Structures are given as C-alpha cells and as structure tokens.
Amino acid sequence: MDLIDRHLQDCPIGLGLAALGRPGYINLGHKGDLNSDYDVDSMQRRAHEVLDRAWEMGVRYFDTARSYGKAEQFLATWLNVRKIQPDAVTVASKWGYSYTAAWQVTVSEGQTHEVKQHSIDRLNQQYLQSIDQLGPQLDLYQIHSATLESGVLSNDSVLDRLAELRDRGLRIGLSVSGAAQEAVIRKALQCQRGGQPVFSAVQATWNLFESSAGAALQEASDQGWLVIVKEGVANGRLTDRNCEPDFVRNRQRLRSIAEQLDVTIDAVALAVILNQPWSNVVLSGAATGEHLTSNLKAIEIAKRLDGGVMEELIETFAESPSDYWATRSGLSWN
C-alpha cells in the first residue's frame, strides 16, 4: 500500500481549497460563508480553522492550485505552523490557470477571475511557484482543466517536462472539466514517455447531475490511476441552498433519504460517489467547518445506501453534459 492509499484508507474524502483561498468563487452562498470579510489575514485564519477541523476529523488529502488565490500559501503556512510532516498528508496542486481577480469578488467588464494557458512557459513558471510554496509537501501535480481544445495533451514540450518531473518522483495527473471530460481522459490514458504513462491520476467532475465521465474513470482506475472526484455537490446545487424550482422534486427525494439516515442531502450526494467502484477520493469544497462536518458524514452512511436507490438517483437526476456545463458556466461569482 503506497502513501496516498494509506491516507485514504480511513478517510476517502479530501479538502479542496478553491473556496477558501480567494474572495470570490461560484459555490452557492460563498459570500455568506466568508461573512463578506475578505481581509487576507481573516481569510487565512478561516482557512486554517477549516483545515484544523479537517485534520481533527481524519482528512489527509488536500487539493489546491495556483489559480486559487492564496490557497497554496494558506495551506503551506498551516502545514508549517502545525508542524505536519510530508509523509503525514497528501498534497495536490495544479498548473495552467493564473489568478487575475486582484483579490476582488467581482471583476471589471472584459476581465476574468482566472486566465488559462497550457504552455511550457506557464508550466515551468507555476511549477517553481508551487515548489516555492509547498516544497517537499507537494505529492501530486496536475494540469488544471486539460481540454482537447487547449492542445496540452499533444504538446511535446509539456509532456516531456511532465515526464521529467514524473521521473524525479512527483506524481503527475490532470484535472478535467466540460462536456468532453470522457474524451480527454481517454486521450490522457494514451500519453506515454520513456515507455511509461505520463499520468497516473485524474480529477474529474462527477455528481448526480453530471455522471457522463464514469466509464472513462473506470478505465483510468483499471490502469491503476488515482481517481479524484471534484464538484460532488455541483457547486452547491446538490445542497439545500439550491432553491431553483426545477430542483424541488429532486430535493424532496434527497431529503427523504437523508432524514432516514440522519444526515443532510449533501452527505447523500457524496455517499453515492464514494460507492462508485472507481472512486478513490472525493473532494469537499467546504468553506466552513460546519459544512465540512456535514460532508464527512457521507463516509458513515455510504455502505448503508441501497444500490437500487443509488441507481435511481443517478438516472433521475442526470442532465445532459451540455446542459450541466452551461448551467455551471452561468453560476455567479460571489
């Protein structure tokens, strides 16, 4: 059993820092989670409080990225202050996006919160920045939202550099987003350098609304890849914060199951993912200790969920990938 497997054996839920490292994010209710207090010291203190709660509850997998504002810095200072050794946790980060929101919740017209570039120059620049922050704590380094359109999986200089980092002992992976997740994963499975796969981990969106990548994730798992699931509650759409009229019936169905298990609906949504045969770690995107605690109850109830119920939920909730990603792109930064 390798180090990551040991970290996930007791707690297959990790903590993602996308909502903790910057003032704005697209999770429903994010503004309220931060109490509209965006002072850097306040946000670092809040991030450390959630990290402390995660540690106390057994979480040992932590996910960040260069584009998550100061998330790498917040995580690094927490690891240092708490004197947590590299072999006690698994730390993953990502390259490919730059944070451009200037510590603002909203950006000016024509600007964006983050800018994507999958070039060799961006890889080299951000790798050094991540190492400067995380040093020997960094275990897994991923392309951030690899797509077919960006050409990153056909970029020889990028793949050569990632293989070089692989050969130095750093685990290499990719995250995927968008309606073509399945195709991107399958292309990544074919990437080799020196007779060895370049990648050995994938982080994908999979939830009750968007389950289209499941077959490709199974293929990745069959080849020994670490499979990480992000956006398991669909940026808050699979929580009680979703008040959209078209969610009322499905929310009632989830509540009925949750009440029987004495949990909230987010735990049910995450438990379904934990029960997928290819799933190794499911990320919580919680911005408060309360929400993290609620998410972690998924571990307790996962084996109590009836298989037929889970299949019914997946079938009933499923949206077309194009519809799901169109909805996601319309979520407001708050």
Protein backbone atom coordinates (compact mmCIF):
# COMPACT_ATOMS: atom_id res chain seq x y z
CA MET A 1 0.00 0.00 0.00
CA ASP A 2 1.51 3.34 -1.04
CA LEU A 3 1.40 6.56 0.97
CA ILE A 4 -1.69 8.01 -0.74
CA ASP A 5 -3.59 4.75 -0.27
CA ARG A 6 -2.77 4.82 3.45
CA HIS A 7 -4.01 8.39 3.73
CA LEU A 8 -7.30 7.49 2.04
CA GLN A 9 -7.90 4.19 3.80
CA ASP A 10 -9.74 5.72 6.74
CA CYS A 11 -10.94 8.94 5.13
CA PRO A 12 -11.69 8.86 1.38
CA ILE A 13 -12.79 12.49 1.46
CA GLY A 14 -10.27 15.26 0.84
CA LEU A 15 -10.47 19.02 1.23
CA GLY A 16 -10.27 21.28 -1.82
CA LEU A 17 -9.25 24.87 -1.17
CA ALA A 18 -10.89 26.58 -4.16
CA ALA A 19 -13.47 28.28 -1.92
CA LEU A 20 -11.01 29.09 0.87
CA GLY A 21 -8.14 30.75 -0.96
CA ARG A 22 -9.79 33.72 -2.69
CA PRO A 23 -12.67 36.14 -2.05
CA GLY A 24 -14.84 35.08 -4.97
CA TYR A 25 -15.98 31.65 -6.08
CA ILE A 26 -19.02 30.12 -7.81
CA ASN A 27 -20.33 28.00 -4.93
CA LEU A 28 -23.88 28.92 -3.97
CA GLY A 29 -23.75 31.05 -0.80
CA HIS A 30 -19.99 31.56 -0.86
CA LYS A 31 -20.34 35.22 0.13
CA GLY A 32 -22.19 34.25 3.28
CA ASP A 33 -19.65 31.56 4.14
CA LEU A 34 -16.94 34.23 4.19
CA ASN A 35 -19.17 36.75 6.00
CA SER A 36 -18.15 39.25 3.31
CA ASP A 37 -14.82 39.57 5.16
CA TYR A 38 -12.06 39.43 2.56
CA ASP A 39 -9.12 40.69 4.58
CA VAL A 40 -6.17 38.43 3.79
CA ASP A 41 -5.38 37.69 7.44
CA SER A 42 -9.02 36.92 8.15
CA MET A 43 -9.23 34.59 5.20
CA GLN A 44 -6.04 32.80 6.18
CA ARG A 45 -7.35 32.39 9.72
CA ARG A 46 -10.63 30.99 8.39
CA ALA A 47 -8.79 28.61 6.05
CA HIS A 48 -6.65 27.39 8.95
CA GLU A 49 -9.76 26.82 11.08
CA VAL A 50 -11.31 24.64 8.37
CA LEU A 51 -8.01 22.83 7.85
CA ASP A 52 -7.83 22.20 11.60
CA ARG A 53 -11.34 20.74 11.55
CA ALA A 54 -10.39 18.57 8.58
CA TRP A 55 -7.28 17.28 10.34
CA GLU A 56 -9.21 16.52 13.54
CA MET A 57 -11.75 14.53 11.53
CA GLY A 58 -9.13 12.46 9.75
CA VAL A 59 -8.80 14.24 6.41
CA ARG A 60 -5.31 13.71 4.99
CA TYR A 61 -5.75 14.72 1.34
CA PHE A 62 -5.59 18.41 0.43
CA ASP A 63 -6.10 19.90 -3.03
CA THR A 64 -5.10 23.36 -4.23
CA ALA A 65 -3.98 25.19 -7.39
CA ARG A 66 -2.04 28.24 -8.50
CA SER A 67 -5.28 29.95 -9.50
CA TYR A 68 -6.95 29.56 -6.11
CA GLY A 69 -5.78 32.98 -4.94
CA LYS A 70 -3.59 32.45 -1.89
CA ALA A 71 -4.68 28.86 -1.26
CA GLU A 72 -1.21 27.37 -1.69
CA GLN A 73 0.16 29.94 0.74
CA PHE A 74 -2.61 29.33 3.28
CA LEU A 75 -2.06 25.58 3.10
CA ALA A 76 1.72 25.93 3.35
CA THR A 77 1.55 28.17 6.43
CA TRP A 78 -0.89 25.77 8.08
CA LEU A 79 1.36 22.77 7.42
CA ASN A 80 4.30 24.70 8.80
CA VAL A 81 2.58 26.09 11.90
CA ARG A 82 1.07 22.71 12.77
CA LYS A 83 4.42 21.02 12.05
CA ILE A 84 2.79 18.43 9.81
CA GLN A 85 5.38 16.27 8.10
CA PRO A 86 5.26 15.47 4.37
CA ASP A 87 4.57 11.77 4.93
CA ALA A 88 1.53 12.58 7.09
CA VAL A 89 -0.55 14.11 4.30
CA THR A 90 -1.10 14.06 0.55
CA VAL A 91 -0.91 17.49 -1.09
CA ALA A 92 -2.01 18.07 -4.68
CA SER A 93 -1.74 21.24 -6.73
CA LYS A 94 -2.36 22.27 -10.32
CA TRP A 95 -0.86 24.46 -13.01
CA GLY A 96 -2.35 26.11 -16.09
CA TYR A 97 -4.51 28.92 -14.74
CA SER A 98 -3.35 32.23 -13.27
CA TYR A 99 -5.39 34.10 -10.68
CA THR A 100 -6.33 37.52 -12.10
CA ALA A 101 -9.13 38.85 -9.86
CA ALA A 102 -6.82 41.11 -7.78
CA TRP A 103 -8.46 39.91 -4.54
CA GLN A 104 -11.89 41.11 -5.67
CA VAL A 105 -15.20 39.24 -5.67
CA THR A 106 -16.26 40.79 -8.97
CA VAL A 107 -14.04 41.86 -11.82
CA SER A 108 -14.31 44.67 -14.34
CA GLU A 109 -16.07 44.15 -17.64
CA GLY A 110 -13.83 42.31 -20.04
CA GLN A 111 -11.75 40.76 -17.26
CA THR A 112 -11.88 37.29 -15.74
CA HIS A 113 -11.12 35.70 -12.38
CA GLU A 114 -8.52 33.40 -13.89
CA VAL A 115 -6.71 33.03 -17.19
CA LYS A 116 -5.87 29.66 -18.72
CA GLN A 117 -2.64 28.91 -20.57
CA HIS A 118 -1.28 25.41 -21.07
CA SER A 119 2.15 26.37 -22.39
CA ILE A 120 5.58 25.07 -21.40
CA ASP A 121 6.44 28.52 -20.08
CA ARG A 122 3.39 28.55 -17.83
CA LEU A 123 4.19 25.03 -16.60
CA ASN A 124 7.77 25.93 -15.73
CA GLN A 125 6.78 29.21 -14.08
CA GLN A 126 3.98 27.78 -11.96
CA TYR A 127 5.87 24.63 -11.01
CA LEU A 128 8.58 26.79 -9.45
CA GLN A 129 5.93 28.89 -7.69
CA SER A 130 4.24 25.80 -6.27
CA ILE A 131 7.53 24.34 -5.11
CA ASP A 132 8.43 27.66 -3.52
CA GLN A 133 5.20 27.49 -1.50
CA LEU A 134 4.87 23.77 -0.82
CA GLY A 135 8.36 22.33 -1.24
CA PRO A 136 8.60 18.64 -0.28
CA GLN A 137 4.92 18.60 0.73
CA LEU A 138 3.86 18.51 -2.94
CA ASP A 139 2.92 14.95 -3.92
CA LEU A 140 0.68 15.27 -6.97
CA TYR A 141 0.99 17.89 -9.72
CA GLN A 142 -1.85 18.19 -12.22
CA ILE A 143 -2.72 20.01 -15.43
CA HIS A 144 -5.58 22.29 -14.46
CA SER A 145 -8.66 21.58 -16.58
CA ALA A 146 -7.00 19.87 -19.52
CA THR A 147 -9.12 20.04 -22.66
CA LEU A 148 -8.78 18.87 -26.23
CA GLU A 149 -9.03 22.49 -27.38
CA SER A 150 -6.01 23.67 -25.39
CA GLY A 151 -3.82 21.09 -27.14
CA VAL A 152 -1.93 20.36 -23.93
CA LEU A 153 -2.11 16.59 -24.39
CA SER A 154 -0.43 16.93 -27.79
CA ASN A 155 2.22 19.43 -26.65
CA ASP A 156 5.50 17.53 -26.78
CA SER A 157 7.45 20.05 -24.71
CA VAL A 158 4.84 19.97 -21.94
CA LEU A 159 4.59 16.18 -21.93
CA ASP A 160 8.40 15.84 -21.92
CA ARG A 161 8.65 18.19 -18.94
CA LEU A 162 5.90 16.40 -17.04
CA ALA A 163 7.65 13.08 -17.69
CA GLU A 164 10.85 14.59 -16.32
CA LEU A 165 9.01 15.57 -13.13
CA ARG A 166 7.47 12.09 -13.02
CA ASP A 167 10.92 10.54 -13.20
CA ARG A 168 12.02 12.69 -10.25
CA GLY A 169 9.31 11.04 -8.17
CA LEU A 170 6.46 13.56 -8.47
CA ARG A 171 3.11 12.00 -9.30
CA ILE A 172 1.61 13.61 -12.41
CA GLY A 173 -2.09 13.96 -13.15
CA LEU A 174 -4.67 16.13 -14.81
CA SER A 175 -8.00 17.63 -13.92
CA VAL A 176 -10.76 17.73 -16.50
CA SER A 177 -13.86 19.87 -16.97
CA GLY A 178 -16.55 20.35 -19.56
CA ALA A 179 -18.80 18.16 -21.65
CA ALA A 180 -15.83 16.34 -23.23
CA GLN A 181 -14.30 15.05 -19.96
CA GLU A 182 -14.60 11.45 -21.13
CA ALA A 183 -12.66 12.08 -24.36
CA VAL A 184 -9.92 13.99 -22.56
CA ILE A 185 -9.41 11.20 -20.02
CA ARG A 186 -9.12 8.61 -22.78
CA LYS A 187 -6.58 10.74 -24.66
CA ALA A 188 -4.55 11.17 -21.47
CA LEU A 189 -4.54 7.40 -20.96
CA GLN A 190 -2.58 7.12 -24.21
CA CYS A 191 0.14 9.64 -23.30
CA GLN A 192 3.48 7.97 -22.75
CA ARG A 193 7.10 8.98 -22.41
CA GLY A 194 10.00 6.56 -22.00
CA GLY A 195 7.64 3.62 -22.33
CA GLN A 196 5.71 4.72 -19.25
CA PRO A 197 2.42 6.58 -18.82
CA VAL A 198 2.90 10.30 -18.24
CA PHE A 199 -0.15 10.45 -15.97
CA SER A 200 -1.27 8.32 -13.05
CA ALA A 201 -4.10 10.42 -11.62
CA VAL A 202 -7.21 12.18 -12.85
CA GLN A 203 -9.50 14.67 -11.12
CA ALA A 204 -12.92 14.87 -12.74
CA THR A 205 -16.36 16.27 -12.11
CA TRP A 206 -18.85 13.54 -11.31
CA ASN A 207 -22.09 14.04 -9.42
CA LEU A 208 -25.77 13.17 -9.60
CA PHE A 209 -26.31 15.78 -12.30
CA GLU A 210 -23.17 15.02 -14.36
CA SER A 211 -22.17 11.36 -14.46
CA SER A 212 -21.00 11.13 -18.08
CA ALA A 213 -17.32 10.52 -17.26
CA GLY A 214 -17.97 7.34 -15.29
CA ALA A 215 -16.90 4.82 -17.94
CA ALA A 216 -13.65 6.67 -18.64
CA LEU A 217 -12.94 6.95 -14.91
CA GLN A 218 -13.38 3.19 -14.64
CA GLU A 219 -10.83 2.74 -17.43
CA ALA A 220 -8.40 5.01 -15.61
CA SER A 221 -8.93 3.07 -12.39
CA ASP A 222 -8.38 -0.21 -14.21
CA GLN A 223 -4.98 1.12 -15.29
CA GLY A 224 -4.06 1.91 -11.70
CA TRP A 225 -4.73 5.63 -11.77
CA LEU A 226 -5.76 7.56 -8.69
CA VAL A 227 -9.29 8.86 -9.33
CA ILE A 228 -10.28 12.09 -7.59
CA VAL A 229 -13.80 13.49 -7.83
CA LYS A 230 -14.43 17.22 -7.65
CA GLU A 231 -17.69 19.19 -7.50
CA GLY A 232 -19.53 16.30 -5.89
CA VAL A 233 -22.32 18.64 -4.76
CA ALA A 234 -22.24 20.59 -8.02
CA ASN A 235 -21.05 23.90 -6.53
CA GLY A 236 -23.93 23.83 -4.04
CA ARG A 237 -26.65 22.77 -6.47
CA LEU A 238 -26.95 19.44 -4.60
CA THR A 239 -27.49 21.11 -1.23
CA ASP A 240 -30.39 22.86 0.45
CA ARG A 241 -29.03 26.11 -0.95
CA ASN A 242 -30.45 25.26 -4.35
CA CYS A 243 -33.85 26.95 -4.46
CA GLU A 244 -34.43 26.60 -8.20
CA PRO A 245 -37.99 25.47 -8.96
CA ASP A 246 -36.83 22.59 -11.15
CA PHE A 247 -34.89 21.12 -8.20
CA VAL A 248 -37.83 20.98 -5.78
CA ARG A 249 -38.89 17.41 -6.50
CA ASN A 250 -35.34 16.05 -6.51
CA ARG A 251 -34.53 17.94 -3.32
CA GLN A 252 -37.52 16.31 -1.64
CA ARG A 253 -36.31 12.89 -2.78
CA LEU A 254 -32.84 13.53 -1.37
CA ARG A 255 -34.28 14.89 1.87
CA SER A 256 -36.38 11.78 2.33
CA ILE A 257 -33.28 9.59 2.08
CA ALA A 258 -31.20 11.95 4.22
CA GLU A 259 -33.77 12.05 7.01
CA GLN A 260 -33.82 8.27 7.20
CA LEU A 261 -30.03 8.31 7.62
CA ASP A 262 -29.96 11.36 9.94
CA VAL A 263 -27.77 13.43 7.61
CA THR A 264 -28.20 16.34 5.21
CA ILE A 265 -28.66 15.97 1.46
CA ASP A 266 -25.06 16.86 0.62
CA ALA A 267 -23.90 13.76 2.51
CA VAL A 268 -26.22 11.58 0.44
CA ALA A 269 -24.92 13.09 -2.81
CA LEU A 270 -21.31 12.48 -1.75
CA ALA A 271 -22.03 8.97 -0.45
CA VAL A 272 -23.23 7.95 -3.91
CA ILE A 273 -19.82 8.97 -5.28
CA LEU A 274 -17.94 7.14 -2.54
CA ASN A 275 -19.72 3.97 -3.61
CA GLN A 276 -18.59 4.16 -7.23
CA PRO A 277 -16.07 1.33 -7.83
CA TRP A 278 -13.52 3.66 -9.43
CA SER A 279 -13.63 6.40 -6.79
CA ASN A 280 -10.54 6.85 -4.59
CA VAL A 281 -11.06 10.29 -3.09
CA VAL A 282 -13.97 12.72 -3.16
CA LEU A 283 -13.20 16.38 -2.56
CA SER A 284 -15.21 18.53 -0.21
CA GLY A 285 -15.23 22.16 -1.29
CA ALA A 286 -16.45 23.34 2.11
CA ALA A 287 -15.66 26.90 3.18
CA THR A 288 -16.83 26.37 6.77
CA GLY A 289 -16.18 23.74 9.40
CA GLU A 290 -19.91 23.10 9.68
CA HIS A 291 -20.23 22.23 6.01
CA LEU A 292 -17.13 20.05 6.13
CA THR A 293 -18.56 18.09 9.05
CA SER A 294 -21.78 17.63 7.11
CA ASN A 295 -19.90 16.44 4.03
CA LEU A 296 -17.83 13.94 6.01
CA LYS A 297 -20.95 12.17 7.26
CA ALA A 298 -21.08 10.68 3.78
CA ILE A 299 -18.41 8.20 4.88
CA GLU A 300 -20.63 6.89 7.70
CA ILE A 301 -23.68 6.32 5.51
CA ALA A 302 -22.09 5.21 2.23
CA LYS A 303 -22.39 1.48 2.89
CA ARG A 304 -25.95 1.90 4.16
CA LEU A 305 -27.21 3.26 0.85
CA ASP A 306 -29.19 0.77 -1.18
CA GLY A 307 -27.71 0.08 -4.60
CA GLY A 308 -31.08 0.35 -6.28
CA VAL A 309 -31.70 3.72 -4.66
CA MET A 310 -28.35 4.99 -5.90
CA GLU A 311 -29.03 3.86 -9.46
CA GLU A 312 -32.43 5.53 -9.34
CA LEU A 313 -30.90 8.80 -8.12
CA ILE A 314 -28.27 8.82 -10.86
CA GLU A 315 -30.84 8.09 -13.54
CA THR A 316 -33.40 10.59 -12.22
CA PHE A 317 -31.04 13.50 -11.60
CA ALA A 318 -28.91 13.18 -14.74
CA GLU A 319 -28.65 16.21 -17.00
CA SER A 320 -27.07 16.19 -20.43
CA PRO A 321 -23.41 17.20 -20.18
CA SER A 322 -24.04 20.24 -22.36
CA ASP A 323 -26.89 21.40 -20.12
CA TYR A 324 -24.92 20.78 -16.95
CA TRP A 325 -21.87 22.73 -18.08
CA ALA A 326 -23.99 25.56 -19.46
CA THR A 327 -25.64 25.88 -16.05
CA ARG A 328 -22.29 25.78 -14.30
CA SER A 329 -20.86 28.49 -16.53
CA GLY A 330 -23.81 30.68 -15.59
CA LEU A 331 -23.21 30.46 -11.83
CA SER A 332 -22.32 33.81 -10.30
CA TRP A 333 -19.01 34.55 -8.61
CA ASN A 334 -19.89 35.61 -5.07
